Protein backbone atom coordinates (compact mmCIF):
# COMPACT_ATOMS: atom_id res chain seq x y z
CA MET A 1 14.71 -2.70 -2.96
CA ARG A 2 13.69 -3.06 -6.23
CA ARG A 3 11.57 -0.55 -8.34
CA LEU A 4 9.78 -1.06 -11.60
CA SER A 5 10.07 1.20 -14.62
CA SER A 6 6.05 1.86 -14.71
CA THR A 7 4.30 3.94 -11.98
CA VAL A 8 2.90 1.35 -9.61
CA VAL A 9 -0.05 2.13 -7.95
CA VAL A 10 -2.11 -0.06 -5.38
CA VAL A 11 -5.77 0.40 -5.05
CA ALA A 12 -6.94 -0.61 -1.27
CA GLY A 13 -9.98 -0.82 0.12
CA ASP A 14 -13.51 -2.55 -0.30
CA GLY A 15 -14.29 -3.07 -3.96
CA ALA A 16 -10.64 -2.40 -5.32
CA ALA A 17 -10.91 -5.57 -7.86
CA GLY A 18 -14.06 -3.93 -9.41
CA VAL A 19 -12.38 -0.38 -9.57
CA ILE A 20 -9.30 -1.87 -11.05
CA ALA A 21 -11.11 -4.02 -13.62
CA GLY A 22 -12.81 -0.84 -14.66
CA LEU A 23 -9.38 0.61 -15.90
CA ASP A 24 -8.54 -2.18 -18.21
CA LYS A 25 -9.61 -0.05 -21.29
CA LEU A 26 -7.29 2.90 -20.68
CA HIS A 27 -4.50 2.84 -23.15
CA ASN A 28 -1.46 3.72 -20.68
CA VAL A 29 -2.65 1.63 -17.97
CA ARG A 30 -2.01 -2.26 -17.07
CA ALA A 31 -5.07 -3.15 -14.56
CA ILE A 32 -4.16 -6.36 -12.73
CA VAL A 33 -6.77 -7.65 -10.40
CA ARG A 34 -5.10 -9.94 -7.83
CA GLY A 35 -7.80 -12.40 -7.74
CA GLU A 36 -6.36 -15.94 -6.79
CA ARG A 37 -2.82 -14.89 -7.73
CA ALA A 38 -0.22 -14.74 -4.95
CA PRO A 39 1.39 -11.15 -4.67
CA SER A 40 4.55 -12.24 -5.99
CA GLU A 41 2.59 -13.19 -9.28
CA VAL A 42 1.09 -10.07 -9.53
CA MET A 43 4.61 -8.24 -9.20
CA GLU A 44 6.12 -10.55 -11.83
CA LEU A 45 3.21 -9.37 -14.03
CA ALA A 46 3.61 -5.87 -13.30
CA GLY A 47 7.77 -5.99 -13.81
CA ARG A 48 6.74 -7.17 -17.31
CA SER A 49 4.43 -4.19 -18.21
CA ALA A 50 5.51 -1.35 -20.22
CA ALA A 51 2.56 0.76 -19.51
CA THR A 52 3.00 4.12 -17.72
CA TYR A 53 1.06 2.85 -15.09
CA VAL A 54 0.45 -0.49 -13.29
CA VAL A 55 -2.72 -0.61 -11.02
CA HIS A 56 -3.22 -3.51 -8.91
CA ASP A 57 -4.68 -4.69 -5.58
CA ALA A 58 -1.56 -7.06 -4.26
CA ASP A 59 -0.53 -4.63 -1.51
CA PRO A 60 3.13 -6.12 -0.53
CA LEU A 61 2.42 -4.71 2.91
CA ALA A 62 -1.20 -6.22 3.52
CA ASP A 63 -0.05 -8.78 5.87
CA VAL A 64 1.63 -6.24 7.95
CA ALA A 65 -1.20 -3.93 7.63
CA ALA A 66 -3.53 -6.67 8.88
CA ALA A 67 -1.20 -7.60 11.68
CA TRP A 68 -0.76 -4.06 12.88
CA ALA A 69 -4.62 -3.40 12.74
CA ALA A 70 -5.27 -6.50 15.08
CA TYR A 71 -2.47 -5.73 17.17
CA PHE A 72 -3.98 -2.55 18.02
CA ASP A 73 -7.34 -3.57 17.95
CA GLY A 74 -6.37 -6.36 20.67
CA THR A 75 -7.47 -9.07 18.41
CA GLY A 76 -4.20 -10.29 16.94
CA VAL A 77 -1.87 -12.89 18.20
CA VAL A 78 1.17 -12.11 20.05
CA GLY A 79 4.34 -11.80 17.77
CA ALA A 80 2.14 -12.07 14.54
CA LEU A 81 2.93 -8.28 13.80
CA GLU A 82 6.76 -8.90 13.97
CA VAL A 83 6.35 -12.17 11.97
CA ALA A 84 4.55 -10.21 9.07
CA ILE A 85 7.32 -7.59 9.12
CA GLU A 86 10.07 -9.90 8.69
CA ALA A 87 8.24 -11.82 6.08
CA ALA A 88 7.54 -8.68 4.20
CA LEU A 89 10.96 -7.73 4.33
CA GLY A 90 12.27 -11.04 3.26
CA GLU A 91 10.22 -10.68 -0.01
CA LEU A 92 11.06 -7.20 -0.49
CA ARG A 93 14.90 -7.89 -0.06
CA ALA A 94 14.31 -10.87 -2.64
CA GLY A 95 12.59 -8.79 -5.06
CA ARG A 96 9.38 -10.97 -5.20
CA LEU A 97 7.65 -7.66 -3.99
CA VAL A 98 7.96 -4.15 -4.63
CA LEU A 99 6.55 -1.26 -2.53
CA PRO A 100 4.00 0.79 -4.82
CA ASP A 101 4.74 4.18 -5.94
CA TYR A 102 1.29 5.36 -4.76
CA TYR A 103 -1.75 3.84 -2.50
CA LEU A 104 -4.94 4.87 -3.60
CA VAL A 105 -7.33 4.24 -0.73
CA LEU A 106 -11.10 3.99 -1.34
CA GLU A 107 -13.34 5.76 0.65
CA PRO A 108 -11.14 5.94 3.93
CA ASP A 109 -13.99 7.58 6.22
CA GLU A 110 -15.73 4.21 5.70
CA LEU A 111 -13.01 2.41 7.31
CA THR A 112 -12.74 1.36 10.86
CA GLN A 113 -10.68 3.83 13.09
CA THR A 114 -7.54 1.64 13.33
CA TRP A 115 -7.53 0.95 9.54
CA ARG A 116 -7.75 4.65 8.95
CA HIS A 117 -4.80 5.38 11.07
CA TRP A 118 -2.80 2.85 8.95
CA TRP A 119 -3.45 4.14 5.67
CA LEU A 120 -3.86 7.96 6.76
CA GLY A 121 -1.57 7.93 9.56
CA VAL A 122 1.37 5.29 9.38
CA LEU A 123 1.66 4.97 5.67
CA ALA A 124 0.95 8.65 4.86
CA GLY A 125 3.24 9.76 7.65
CA ALA A 126 6.12 7.86 6.04
CA ALA A 127 5.46 9.27 2.88
CA PRO A 128 2.82 11.90 2.52
CA VAL A 129 1.91 12.41 -1.20
CA ARG A 130 2.21 8.48 -1.75
CA VAL A 131 -1.17 7.79 0.06
CA VAL A 132 -4.19 9.53 -1.56
CA PRO A 133 -7.85 8.99 -0.54
CA VAL A 134 -10.23 8.48 -3.43
CA SER A 135 -13.69 7.63 -4.19
CA ALA A 136 -14.41 4.00 -4.98
CA SER A 137 -15.23 4.19 -8.79
CA SER A 138 -12.71 3.47 -11.85
CA ALA A 139 -13.67 6.94 -12.90
CA ALA A 140 -12.23 8.71 -9.94
CA VAL A 141 -9.11 6.48 -9.65
CA ALA A 142 -8.66 7.09 -13.49
CA ALA A 143 -8.72 10.94 -12.71
CA GLU A 144 -6.59 10.60 -9.69
CA LEU A 145 -3.87 8.83 -11.73
CA GLY A 146 -3.43 11.94 -13.84
CA ARG A 147 -3.09 13.95 -10.64
CA LEU A 148 -0.46 12.03 -8.81
CA ALA A 149 2.14 14.42 -7.19
CA ALA A 150 5.81 13.75 -7.01
CA GLY A 151 7.26 13.38 -3.26
CA ARG A 152 9.69 11.87 -1.17
CA TRP A 153 9.91 8.19 -1.47
CA TRP A 154 9.26 5.49 1.39
CA PRO A 155 11.68 5.76 4.20
CA ALA A 156 15.33 5.20 2.98
CA ASP A 157 15.76 2.70 6.02
CA LEU A 158 12.65 0.57 5.36
CA GLU A 159 13.60 -2.11 7.54
CA ALA A 160 14.06 0.38 10.68
CA TRP A 161 10.64 1.55 9.82
CA LEU A 162 8.84 -1.53 9.64
CA ARG A 163 10.46 -2.99 12.65
CA ALA A 164 9.12 0.37 14.60
CA LEU A 165 5.55 -0.57 13.53
CA PRO A 166 4.89 -2.16 17.02
CA LYS A 167 5.65 1.19 18.49
CA VAL A 168 3.36 3.32 16.50
CA VAL A 169 0.13 3.97 18.24
CA PRO A 170 -2.83 4.68 15.81
CA ASP A 171 -3.77 8.01 17.59
CA GLN A 172 -0.50 8.90 17.01
CA ALA A 173 0.59 7.60 13.66
CA GLY A 174 1.96 10.05 11.38
CA LEU A 175 2.30 12.94 13.75
CA PRO A 176 5.56 14.48 14.13
CA THR A 177 7.68 13.05 17.07
CA VAL A 178 9.34 14.83 19.75
CA ASN A 179 12.74 13.97 20.73
CA ALA A 180 13.43 14.28 24.38
């Protein structure tokens, strides 16, 4: 899977576009609000940036996350999660989407329980320092950019990790597993 030379940060949550727009004046940040653009268009813009940080709201796993939350909330269509996983893998393999270096999750305490488990369980369990809760303001996100810590990257076997998501139960997401 492709990686960019800039540190790529996805801001996720309600109000992400406004928070990102507020970062546009920072000299070392390329702020990209998705708006009507496809995620692949955002990745193309990000790939051309020479900024230290590229911050955007085009989560490459958004469809997977939505399908996972719907699956466990009982509102999803049978097979939708698996379809979303395979579509994301196809886009990642083709280089049209890129996993970010970090996710900054706005106000996770205000999310529904299943969504909180997605961000702070599933994703944080896969790469703990790569998912950071933050207040929903441009100033808080800007401050957090300077504090991002190095840590393990996303799982080396991304395909196996994503394909195992239908078995990751929200209340147990991110917890150590016991091999019997």
